[in-house]
Amino acid sequence: MRDLAQIGGDDDARMIPWWSIVIAVAAFVGVEYYFWLVLPGQRHHPAPPLGFLLYLNISWGVLAALYFLMIGYVSKDAPRRSMSARFWMLICFVMPGGIGAVLYFLLRQPLVGRCPACSTLVQGDFHFCPQCNYQLTASCGNCFRTVRGTDQFCTRCGHELAADHMPARLHVMRD
């Protein structure tokens, strides 16, 4: 099973689908077209300073692009967390001001992976598989907190991890 602590920003950036990138670029170009070519013809007052126009135009274009990139990210992230992609994409699209995306990030489930022994879907924070009792992560034999495989002592209780052997930990968790 892939160590969830190793998942970085690069993996998350690769999750944005190509269609979302195309729509985001089109949204950015559309907003810039509107602000630079359509809107100036409808002004009945002097134009604001160029610096303010640049700031306003680029920031609205970036916000429009981020809106569609977020919808694309949710479409790929929700299924790997055993959530409905269509439902959360609809929530992100319909709720204004990014509130849908904030709700998604607050309510999303932990990552789901497969047990190497029996291929059952298990959450990333599980220490043992609920079907076959396979130990998914290293844990302290005293307090059962997750530890790294290279640790000599538990960072929480100070228990010497070398004193633990695999069958004892598995036997204690079954009782």
N, C-alpha and C. Protein backbone atom coordinates (compact mmCIF):
# COMPACT_ATOMS: atom_id res chain seq x y z
N MET A 1 0.85 -1.18 0.00
CA MET A 1 0.00 0.00 0.00
C MET A 1 0.89 1.24 0.00
N ARG A 2 0.53 2.23 -0.75
CA ARG A 2 1.32 3.45 -0.85
C ARG A 2 1.21 4.24 0.44
N ASP A 3 2.35 4.74 0.92
CA ASP A 3 2.36 5.53 2.15
C ASP A 3 1.68 6.87 1.89
N LEU A 4 0.62 7.15 2.65
CA LEU A 4 -0.15 8.36 2.42
C LEU A 4 0.63 9.62 2.77
N ALA A 5 1.65 9.50 3.61
CA ALA A 5 2.44 10.67 3.98
C ALA A 5 3.31 11.14 2.82
N GLN A 6 3.56 10.27 1.83
CA GLN A 6 4.41 10.63 0.71
C GLN A 6 3.66 11.35 -0.40
N ILE A 7 2.35 11.43 -0.31
CA ILE A 7 1.58 12.10 -1.35
C ILE A 7 1.83 13.60 -1.22
N GLY A 8 2.32 14.19 -2.29
CA GLY A 8 2.65 15.60 -2.24
C GLY A 8 1.78 16.42 -3.16
N GLY A 9 2.16 17.68 -3.30
CA GLY A 9 1.41 18.58 -4.15
C GLY A 9 1.47 18.21 -5.62
N ASP A 10 2.57 17.57 -6.06
CA ASP A 10 2.68 17.18 -7.45
C ASP A 10 1.61 16.17 -7.83
N ASP A 11 1.34 15.21 -6.94
CA ASP A 11 0.30 14.22 -7.22
C ASP A 11 -1.07 14.88 -7.28
N ASP A 12 -1.31 15.85 -6.43
CA ASP A 12 -2.59 16.55 -6.44
C ASP A 12 -2.73 17.39 -7.71
N ALA A 13 -1.66 18.00 -8.17
CA ALA A 13 -1.73 18.80 -9.39
C ALA A 13 -1.98 17.92 -10.61
N ARG A 14 -1.46 16.70 -10.61
CA ARG A 14 -1.70 15.78 -11.72
C ARG A 14 -3.13 15.26 -11.75
N MET A 15 -3.86 15.46 -10.69
CA MET A 15 -5.24 14.98 -10.63
C MET A 15 -6.21 15.89 -11.37
N ILE A 16 -5.79 17.07 -11.76
CA ILE A 16 -6.68 17.98 -12.48
C ILE A 16 -6.79 17.48 -13.92
N PRO A 17 -8.01 17.15 -14.38
CA PRO A 17 -8.17 16.58 -15.72
C PRO A 17 -7.95 17.62 -16.82
N TRP A 18 -7.65 17.13 -18.01
CA TRP A 18 -7.35 18.03 -19.13
C TRP A 18 -8.54 18.90 -19.50
N TRP A 19 -9.76 18.35 -19.42
CA TRP A 19 -10.94 19.14 -19.79
C TRP A 19 -11.12 20.32 -18.85
N SER A 20 -10.74 20.15 -17.59
CA SER A 20 -10.84 21.24 -16.64
C SER A 20 -9.82 22.34 -16.95
N ILE A 21 -8.65 21.93 -17.39
CA ILE A 21 -7.61 22.91 -17.75
C ILE A 21 -8.05 23.69 -18.99
N VAL A 22 -8.63 23.00 -19.96
CA VAL A 22 -9.11 23.67 -21.18
C VAL A 22 -10.21 24.68 -20.84
N ILE A 23 -11.16 24.27 -20.01
CA ILE A 23 -12.25 25.18 -19.62
C ILE A 23 -11.71 26.36 -18.81
N ALA A 24 -10.71 26.10 -17.95
CA ALA A 24 -10.12 27.18 -17.15
C ALA A 24 -9.41 28.20 -18.03
N VAL A 25 -8.68 27.72 -19.02
CA VAL A 25 -8.01 28.65 -19.95
C VAL A 25 -9.04 29.44 -20.73
N ALA A 26 -10.10 28.77 -21.19
CA ALA A 26 -11.16 29.47 -21.92
C ALA A 26 -11.85 30.51 -21.03
N ALA A 27 -12.07 30.18 -19.77
CA ALA A 27 -12.69 31.13 -18.84
C ALA A 27 -11.79 32.34 -18.63
N PHE A 28 -10.48 32.11 -18.47
CA PHE A 28 -9.54 33.21 -18.29
C PHE A 28 -9.54 34.12 -19.52
N VAL A 29 -9.46 33.51 -20.69
CA VAL A 29 -9.45 34.29 -21.94
C VAL A 29 -10.78 35.03 -22.11
N GLY A 30 -11.89 34.39 -21.77
CA GLY A 30 -13.20 35.03 -21.88
C GLY A 30 -13.33 36.23 -20.97
N VAL A 31 -12.86 36.11 -19.74
CA VAL A 31 -12.92 37.24 -18.80
C VAL A 31 -12.04 38.37 -19.29
N GLU A 32 -10.85 38.05 -19.77
CA GLU A 32 -9.95 39.10 -20.28
C GLU A 32 -10.56 39.79 -21.50
N TYR A 33 -11.16 39.01 -22.38
CA TYR A 33 -11.82 39.58 -23.56
C TYR A 33 -12.92 40.55 -23.14
N TYR A 34 -13.72 40.13 -22.18
CA TYR A 34 -14.82 40.98 -21.72
C TYR A 34 -14.28 42.28 -21.10
N PHE A 35 -13.28 42.17 -20.23
CA PHE A 35 -12.77 43.36 -19.54
C PHE A 35 -12.01 44.30 -20.46
N TRP A 36 -11.28 43.77 -21.46
CA TRP A 36 -10.46 44.64 -22.30
C TRP A 36 -11.18 45.11 -23.56
N LEU A 37 -12.11 44.32 -24.12
CA LEU A 37 -12.71 44.70 -25.40
C LEU A 37 -14.19 45.06 -25.31
N VAL A 38 -14.96 44.38 -24.49
CA VAL A 38 -16.40 44.63 -24.43
C VAL A 38 -16.73 45.76 -23.46
N LEU A 39 -16.21 45.68 -22.26
CA LEU A 39 -16.55 46.63 -21.21
C LEU A 39 -16.12 48.08 -21.50
N PRO A 40 -14.94 48.33 -22.10
CA PRO A 40 -14.56 49.74 -22.35
C PRO A 40 -15.53 50.48 -23.27
N GLY A 41 -16.20 49.80 -24.17
CA GLY A 41 -17.15 50.46 -25.07
C GLY A 41 -18.43 50.89 -24.37
N GLN A 42 -18.67 50.38 -23.17
CA GLN A 42 -19.90 50.70 -22.44
C GLN A 42 -19.68 51.72 -21.33
N ARG A 43 -18.47 52.27 -21.23
CA ARG A 43 -18.17 53.24 -20.17
C ARG A 43 -18.71 54.62 -20.52
N HIS A 44 -19.23 55.30 -19.50
CA HIS A 44 -19.69 56.67 -19.67
C HIS A 44 -18.90 57.63 -18.78
N HIS A 45 -17.76 57.14 -18.30
CA HIS A 45 -16.91 57.95 -17.43
C HIS A 45 -15.46 57.63 -17.77
N PRO A 46 -14.51 58.43 -17.28
CA PRO A 46 -13.10 58.18 -17.61
C PRO A 46 -12.63 56.82 -17.08
N ALA A 47 -11.70 56.23 -17.79
CA ALA A 47 -11.16 54.92 -17.40
C ALA A 47 -10.32 55.05 -16.14
N PRO A 48 -10.35 54.04 -15.27
CA PRO A 48 -9.49 54.07 -14.09
C PRO A 48 -8.03 53.91 -14.49
N PRO A 49 -7.10 54.12 -13.55
CA PRO A 49 -5.68 53.99 -13.85
C PRO A 49 -5.34 52.59 -14.39
N LEU A 50 -4.32 52.52 -15.22
CA LEU A 50 -3.94 51.26 -15.88
C LEU A 50 -3.56 50.18 -14.86
N GLY A 51 -2.87 50.54 -13.81
CA GLY A 51 -2.48 49.56 -12.78
C GLY A 51 -3.68 48.91 -12.13
N PHE A 52 -4.69 49.72 -11.84
CA PHE A 52 -5.92 49.18 -11.25
C PHE A 52 -6.64 48.27 -12.24
N LEU A 53 -6.68 48.66 -13.51
CA LEU A 53 -7.31 47.82 -14.54
C LEU A 53 -6.59 46.47 -14.67
N LEU A 54 -5.27 46.51 -14.68
CA LEU A 54 -4.51 45.25 -14.77
C LEU A 54 -4.80 44.35 -13.58
N TYR A 55 -4.77 44.93 -12.39
CA TYR A 55 -5.05 44.15 -11.18
C TYR A 55 -6.45 43.54 -11.23
N LEU A 56 -7.43 44.35 -11.55
CA LEU A 56 -8.82 43.90 -11.57
C LEU A 56 -9.04 42.83 -12.64
N ASN A 57 -8.55 43.06 -13.83
CA ASN A 57 -8.77 42.13 -14.94
C ASN A 57 -8.09 40.78 -14.70
N ILE A 58 -6.84 40.82 -14.29
CA ILE A 58 -6.11 39.57 -14.08
C ILE A 58 -6.67 38.81 -12.89
N SER A 59 -7.02 39.51 -11.82
CA SER A 59 -7.54 38.79 -10.65
C SER A 59 -8.88 38.12 -10.95
N TRP A 60 -9.78 38.77 -11.69
CA TRP A 60 -11.05 38.14 -12.05
C TRP A 60 -10.83 36.97 -13.00
N GLY A 61 -9.88 37.10 -13.91
CA GLY A 61 -9.57 35.99 -14.82
C GLY A 61 -9.01 34.78 -14.08
N VAL A 62 -8.12 35.03 -13.13
CA VAL A 62 -7.55 33.94 -12.34
C VAL A 62 -8.63 33.28 -11.47
N LEU A 63 -9.50 34.07 -10.88
CA LEU A 63 -10.59 33.50 -10.07
C LEU A 63 -11.52 32.62 -10.92
N ALA A 64 -11.83 33.06 -12.13
CA ALA A 64 -12.68 32.25 -13.01
C ALA A 64 -11.97 30.94 -13.37
N ALA A 65 -10.67 31.01 -13.65
CA ALA A 65 -9.92 29.80 -14.00
C ALA A 65 -9.83 28.85 -12.80
N LEU A 66 -9.57 29.39 -11.61
CA LEU A 66 -9.48 28.54 -10.42
C LEU A 66 -10.80 27.86 -10.10
N TYR A 67 -11.89 28.52 -10.40
CA TYR A 67 -13.23 27.95 -10.19
C TYR A 67 -13.38 26.64 -10.98
N PHE A 68 -12.99 26.66 -12.24
CA PHE A 68 -13.12 25.46 -13.06
C PHE A 68 -12.04 24.43 -12.76
N LEU A 69 -10.86 24.86 -12.37
CA LEU A 69 -9.83 23.91 -11.96
C LEU A 69 -10.25 23.16 -10.70
N MET A 70 -10.92 23.86 -9.78
CA MET A 70 -11.40 23.22 -8.56
C MET A 70 -12.47 22.18 -8.86
N ILE A 71 -13.36 22.49 -9.78
CA ILE A 71 -14.39 21.51 -10.16
C ILE A 71 -13.73 20.27 -10.77
N GLY A 72 -12.71 20.46 -11.59
CA GLY A 72 -11.98 19.32 -12.16
C GLY A 72 -11.27 18.51 -11.10
N TYR A 73 -10.66 19.19 -10.14
CA TYR A 73 -9.97 18.48 -9.05
C TYR A 73 -10.96 17.64 -8.25
N VAL A 74 -12.11 18.22 -7.94
CA VAL A 74 -13.13 17.50 -7.17
C VAL A 74 -13.62 16.27 -7.94
N SER A 75 -13.71 16.39 -9.28
CA SER A 75 -14.18 15.26 -10.08
C SER A 75 -13.23 14.07 -10.00
N LYS A 76 -11.95 14.29 -9.77
CA LYS A 76 -10.99 13.19 -9.65
C LYS A 76 -10.75 12.77 -8.20
N ASP A 77 -10.86 13.72 -7.27
CA ASP A 77 -10.55 13.43 -5.87
C ASP A 77 -11.70 12.70 -5.17
N ALA A 78 -12.92 13.04 -5.49
CA ALA A 78 -14.08 12.44 -4.80
C ALA A 78 -14.15 10.92 -4.98
N PRO A 79 -13.96 10.36 -6.18
CA PRO A 79 -14.05 8.90 -6.29
C PRO A 79 -12.96 8.16 -5.51
N ARG A 80 -11.77 8.73 -5.39
CA ARG A 80 -10.74 8.02 -4.64
C ARG A 80 -10.97 8.10 -3.13
N ARG A 81 -11.95 8.88 -2.73
CA ARG A 81 -12.35 8.95 -1.33
C ARG A 81 -13.73 8.31 -1.12
N SER A 82 -14.19 7.54 -2.10
CA SER A 82 -15.49 6.84 -2.06
C SER A 82 -16.65 7.82 -1.86
N MET A 83 -16.60 8.92 -2.58
CA MET A 83 -17.67 9.93 -2.53
C MET A 83 -18.22 10.11 -3.94
N SER A 84 -19.42 10.64 -4.06
CA SER A 84 -20.06 10.86 -5.35
C SER A 84 -19.44 12.06 -6.05
N ALA A 85 -18.78 11.82 -7.18
CA ALA A 85 -18.14 12.90 -7.92
C ALA A 85 -19.17 13.85 -8.51
N ARG A 86 -20.25 13.32 -9.06
CA ARG A 86 -21.27 14.18 -9.68
C ARG A 86 -21.92 15.10 -8.65
N PHE A 87 -22.23 14.56 -7.50
CA PHE A 87 -22.85 15.37 -6.45
C PHE A 87 -21.94 16.52 -6.03
N TRP A 88 -20.67 16.22 -5.76
CA TRP A 88 -19.77 17.26 -5.27
C TRP A 88 -19.39 18.24 -6.36
N MET A 89 -19.33 17.79 -7.63
CA MET A 89 -19.10 18.74 -8.72
C MET A 89 -20.28 19.70 -8.83
N LEU A 90 -21.49 19.18 -8.69
CA LEU A 90 -22.68 20.03 -8.74
C LEU A 90 -22.68 21.04 -7.59
N ILE A 91 -22.33 20.58 -6.39
CA ILE A 91 -22.26 21.49 -5.24
C ILE A 91 -21.23 22.59 -5.49
N CYS A 92 -20.05 22.21 -5.99
CA CYS A 92 -19.00 23.21 -6.24
C CYS A 92 -19.41 24.18 -7.34
N PHE A 93 -20.16 23.70 -8.33
CA PHE A 93 -20.56 24.56 -9.44
C PHE A 93 -21.68 25.51 -9.05
N VAL A 94 -22.65 25.02 -8.29
CA VAL A 94 -23.85 25.79 -7.99
C VAL A 94 -23.63 26.80 -6.87
N MET A 95 -22.90 26.42 -5.84
CA MET A 95 -22.75 27.32 -4.68
C MET A 95 -21.78 28.45 -5.03
N PRO A 96 -22.17 29.69 -4.83
CA PRO A 96 -21.36 30.83 -5.26
C PRO A 96 -20.15 31.08 -4.37
N GLY A 97 -19.17 31.73 -4.96
CA GLY A 97 -18.03 32.22 -4.20
C GLY A 97 -17.11 31.15 -3.65
N GLY A 98 -17.12 29.97 -4.22
CA GLY A 98 -16.24 28.91 -3.73
C GLY A 98 -16.72 28.23 -2.47
N ILE A 99 -17.94 28.51 -2.04
CA ILE A 99 -18.47 27.89 -0.82
C ILE A 99 -18.58 26.37 -0.99
N GLY A 100 -18.94 25.92 -2.20
CA GLY A 100 -19.04 24.49 -2.46
C GLY A 100 -17.70 23.79 -2.30
N ALA A 101 -16.63 24.41 -2.77
CA ALA A 101 -15.30 23.82 -2.63
C ALA A 101 -14.88 23.78 -1.16
N VAL A 102 -15.19 24.83 -0.42
CA VAL A 102 -14.87 24.83 1.01
C VAL A 102 -15.63 23.72 1.72
N LEU A 103 -16.91 23.55 1.39
CA LEU A 103 -17.70 22.46 1.97
C LEU A 103 -17.09 21.10 1.63
N TYR A 104 -16.66 20.94 0.38
CA TYR A 104 -16.06 19.67 -0.03
C TYR A 104 -14.82 19.36 0.81
N PHE A 105 -13.95 20.35 0.97
CA PHE A 105 -12.72 20.11 1.72
C PHE A 105 -12.98 19.90 3.21
N LEU A 106 -14.05 20.47 3.73
CA LEU A 106 -14.39 20.24 5.13
C LEU A 106 -15.02 18.87 5.36
N LEU A 107 -15.80 18.39 4.40
CA LEU A 107 -16.59 17.17 4.59
C LEU A 107 -16.04 15.94 3.88
N ARG A 108 -14.93 16.06 3.16
CA ARG A 108 -14.46 14.91 2.40
C ARG A 108 -13.94 13.81 3.31
N GLN A 109 -14.07 12.59 2.83
CA GLN A 109 -13.67 11.39 3.57
C GLN A 109 -12.16 11.18 3.43
N PRO A 110 -11.58 10.36 4.32
CA PRO A 110 -10.15 10.04 4.16
C PRO A 110 -9.91 9.23 2.89
N LEU A 111 -8.66 9.22 2.45
CA LEU A 111 -8.30 8.44 1.26
C LEU A 111 -8.57 6.97 1.50
N VAL A 112 -8.98 6.30 0.45
CA VAL A 112 -9.28 4.88 0.52
C VAL A 112 -8.24 4.14 -0.31
N GLY A 113 -7.71 3.05 0.24
CA GLY A 113 -6.75 2.21 -0.47
C GLY A 113 -7.20 0.76 -0.40
N ARG A 114 -6.34 -0.13 -0.87
CA ARG A 114 -6.66 -1.55 -0.85
C ARG A 114 -5.68 -2.28 0.07
N CYS A 115 -6.20 -3.27 0.76
CA CYS A 115 -5.37 -4.12 1.60
C CYS A 115 -4.50 -4.97 0.69
N PRO A 116 -3.18 -5.06 0.95
CA PRO A 116 -2.32 -5.88 0.10
C PRO A 116 -2.62 -7.37 0.19
N ALA A 117 -3.23 -7.80 1.28
CA ALA A 117 -3.48 -9.23 1.47
C ALA A 117 -4.79 -9.69 0.82
N CYS A 118 -5.88 -8.93 1.02
CA CYS A 118 -7.19 -9.41 0.56
C CYS A 118 -7.88 -8.44 -0.40
N SER A 119 -7.28 -7.31 -0.72
CA SER A 119 -7.82 -6.30 -1.65
C SER A 119 -9.11 -5.64 -1.19
N THR A 120 -9.39 -5.67 0.11
CA THR A 120 -10.55 -4.97 0.65
C THR A 120 -10.25 -3.47 0.68
N LEU A 121 -11.26 -2.64 0.41
CA LEU A 121 -11.09 -1.19 0.52
C LEU A 121 -10.95 -0.81 1.99
N VAL A 122 -9.87 -0.09 2.32
CA VAL A 122 -9.62 0.34 3.69
C VAL A 122 -9.27 1.82 3.69
N GLN A 123 -9.62 2.51 4.76
CA GLN A 123 -9.29 3.93 4.89
C GLN A 123 -7.81 4.07 5.23
N GLY A 124 -7.26 5.22 4.89
CA GLY A 124 -5.84 5.45 5.07
C GLY A 124 -5.39 5.49 6.52
N ASP A 125 -6.30 5.75 7.45
CA ASP A 125 -5.90 5.83 8.85
C ASP A 125 -6.07 4.50 9.59
N PHE A 126 -6.45 3.43 8.90
CA PHE A 126 -6.59 2.12 9.54
C PHE A 126 -5.21 1.52 9.79
N HIS A 127 -5.04 0.89 10.95
CA HIS A 127 -3.81 0.17 11.25
C HIS A 127 -3.89 -1.28 10.77
N PHE A 128 -5.09 -1.85 10.81
CA PHE A 128 -5.30 -3.24 10.43
C PHE A 128 -6.47 -3.33 9.46
N CYS A 129 -6.42 -4.32 8.59
CA CYS A 129 -7.53 -4.57 7.67
C CYS A 129 -8.70 -5.14 8.46
N PRO A 130 -9.92 -4.62 8.28
CA PRO A 130 -11.06 -5.13 9.03
C PRO A 130 -11.52 -6.52 8.58
N GLN A 131 -11.07 -6.99 7.42
CA GLN A 131 -11.50 -8.30 6.92
C GLN A 131 -10.52 -9.42 7.28
N CYS A 132 -9.22 -9.17 7.08
CA CYS A 132 -8.25 -10.26 7.26
C CYS A 132 -7.25 -10.00 8.38
N ASN A 133 -7.34 -8.86 9.06
CA ASN A 133 -6.48 -8.49 10.18
C ASN A 133 -5.01 -8.30 9.77
N TYR A 134 -4.77 -7.98 8.52
CA TYR A 134 -3.42 -7.70 8.04
C TYR A 134 -2.99 -6.34 8.57
N GLN A 135 -1.76 -6.26 9.10
CA GLN A 135 -1.27 -5.00 9.64
C GLN A 135 -0.85 -4.09 8.50
N LEU A 136 -1.55 -2.97 8.35
CA LEU A 136 -1.32 -2.04 7.24
C LEU A 136 -0.21 -1.04 7.54
N THR A 137 -0.10 -0.61 8.79
CA THR A 137 0.92 0.36 9.17
C THR A 137 1.62 -0.13 10.43
N ALA A 138 2.84 0.32 10.61
CA ALA A 138 3.57 -0.01 11.83
C ALA A 138 2.96 0.77 12.99
N SER A 139 2.81 0.11 14.12
CA SER A 139 2.24 0.78 15.29
C SER A 139 2.94 0.30 16.55
N CYS A 140 2.87 1.13 17.58
CA CYS A 140 3.48 0.82 18.87
C CYS A 140 2.70 -0.32 19.53
N GLY A 141 3.40 -1.26 20.14
CA GLY A 141 2.75 -2.37 20.83
C GLY A 141 2.16 -1.98 22.16
N ASN A 142 2.50 -0.79 22.67
CA ASN A 142 2.01 -0.34 23.97
C ASN A 142 0.78 0.57 23.83
N CYS A 143 0.89 1.62 23.01
CA CYS A 143 -0.21 2.59 22.89
C CYS A 143 -0.92 2.49 21.53
N PHE A 144 -0.39 1.71 20.61
CA PHE A 144 -0.97 1.45 19.29
C PHE A 144 -1.07 2.69 18.41
N ARG A 145 -0.19 3.66 18.62
CA ARG A 145 -0.11 4.81 17.74
C ARG A 145 0.77 4.45 16.54
N THR A 146 0.54 5.12 15.42
CA THR A 146 1.33 4.87 14.22
C THR A 146 2.76 5.35 14.43
N VAL A 147 3.71 4.52 14.04
CA VAL A 147 5.13 4.87 14.10
C VAL A 147 5.74 4.59 12.72
N ARG A 148 6.88 5.19 12.48
CA ARG A 148 7.61 4.90 11.25
C ARG A 148 8.38 3.61 11.41
N GLY A 149 8.65 2.96 10.32
CA GLY A 149 9.37 1.69 10.37
C GLY A 149 10.79 1.82 10.86
N THR A 150 11.37 3.01 10.78
CA THR A 150 12.75 3.23 11.20
C THR A 150 12.88 3.69 12.65
N ASP A 151 11.76 3.96 13.32
CA ASP A 151 11.80 4.44 14.70
C ASP A 151 12.26 3.34 15.65
N GLN A 152 13.06 3.72 16.65
CA GLN A 152 13.50 2.78 17.67
C GLN A 152 12.57 2.81 18.88
N PHE A 153 12.01 4.00 19.15
CA PHE A 153 11.12 4.19 20.29
C PHE A 153 9.85 4.90 19.82
N CYS A 154 8.75 4.66 20.52
CA CYS A 154 7.49 5.32 20.21
C CYS A 154 7.61 6.79 20.60
N THR A 155 7.15 7.67 19.74
CA THR A 155 7.24 9.11 20.02
C THR A 155 6.21 9.57 21.03
N ARG A 156 5.20 8.75 21.31
CA ARG A 156 4.16 9.15 22.26
C ARG A 156 4.43 8.62 23.66
N CYS A 157 4.70 7.33 23.78
CA CYS A 157 4.83 6.74 25.11
C CYS A 157 6.26 6.32 25.45
N GLY A 158 7.18 6.36 24.48
CA GLY A 158 8.57 6.01 24.74
C GLY A 158 8.84 4.51 24.76
N HIS A 159 7.88 3.70 24.39
CA HIS A 159 8.03 2.24 24.38
C HIS A 159 9.10 1.83 23.37
N GLU A 160 9.94 0.87 23.74
CA GLU A 160 10.98 0.40 22.83
C GLU A 160 10.33 -0.50 21.78
N LEU A 161 10.40 -0.08 20.54
CA LEU A 161 9.71 -0.79 19.47
C LEU A 161 10.40 -2.09 19.10
N ALA A 162 11.69 -2.20 19.37
CA ALA A 162 12.40 -3.45 19.07
C ALA A 162 11.89 -4.59 19.94
N ALA A 163 11.33 -4.28 21.11
CA ALA A 163 10.81 -5.32 21.99
C ALA A 163 9.51 -5.92 21.44
N ASP A 164 8.83 -5.19 20.59
CA ASP A 164 7.61 -5.71 19.98
C ASP A 164 7.98 -6.64 18.84
N HIS A 165 7.27 -7.71 18.73
CA HIS A 165 7.40 -8.53 17.54
C HIS A 165 6.01 -8.67 16.93
N MET A 166 5.97 -8.86 15.66
CA MET A 166 4.72 -8.78 14.91
C MET A 166 3.59 -9.65 15.47
N PRO A 167 3.81 -10.93 15.80
CA PRO A 167 2.68 -11.73 16.27
C PRO A 167 2.07 -11.20 17.56
N ALA A 168 2.88 -10.62 18.46
CA ALA A 168 2.33 -10.10 19.72
C ALA A 168 1.39 -8.93 19.44
N ARG A 169 1.78 -8.05 18.55
CA ARG A 169 0.93 -6.91 18.23
C ARG A 169 -0.37 -7.37 17.58
N LEU A 170 -0.28 -8.32 16.68
CA LEU A 170 -1.48 -8.81 16.03
C LEU A 170 -2.39 -9.52 17.02
N HIS A 171 -1.79 -10.27 17.96
CA HIS A 171 -2.58 -11.01 18.93
C HIS A 171 -3.30 -10.04 19.89
N VAL A 172 -2.63 -8.97 20.31
CA VAL A 172 -3.23 -8.01 21.22
C VAL A 172 -4.42 -7.32 20.56
N MET A 173 -4.30 -6.99 19.28
CA MET A 173 -5.39 -6.29 18.60
C MET A 173 -6.61 -7.18 18.39
N ARG A 174 -6.45 -8.50 18.33
CA ARG A 174 -7.58 -9.41 18.13
C ARG A 174 -8.43 -9.52 19.38
N ASP A 175 -7.83 -9.37 20.55
CA ASP A 175 -8.57 -9.55 21.81
C ASP A 175 -9.48 -8.42 22.12
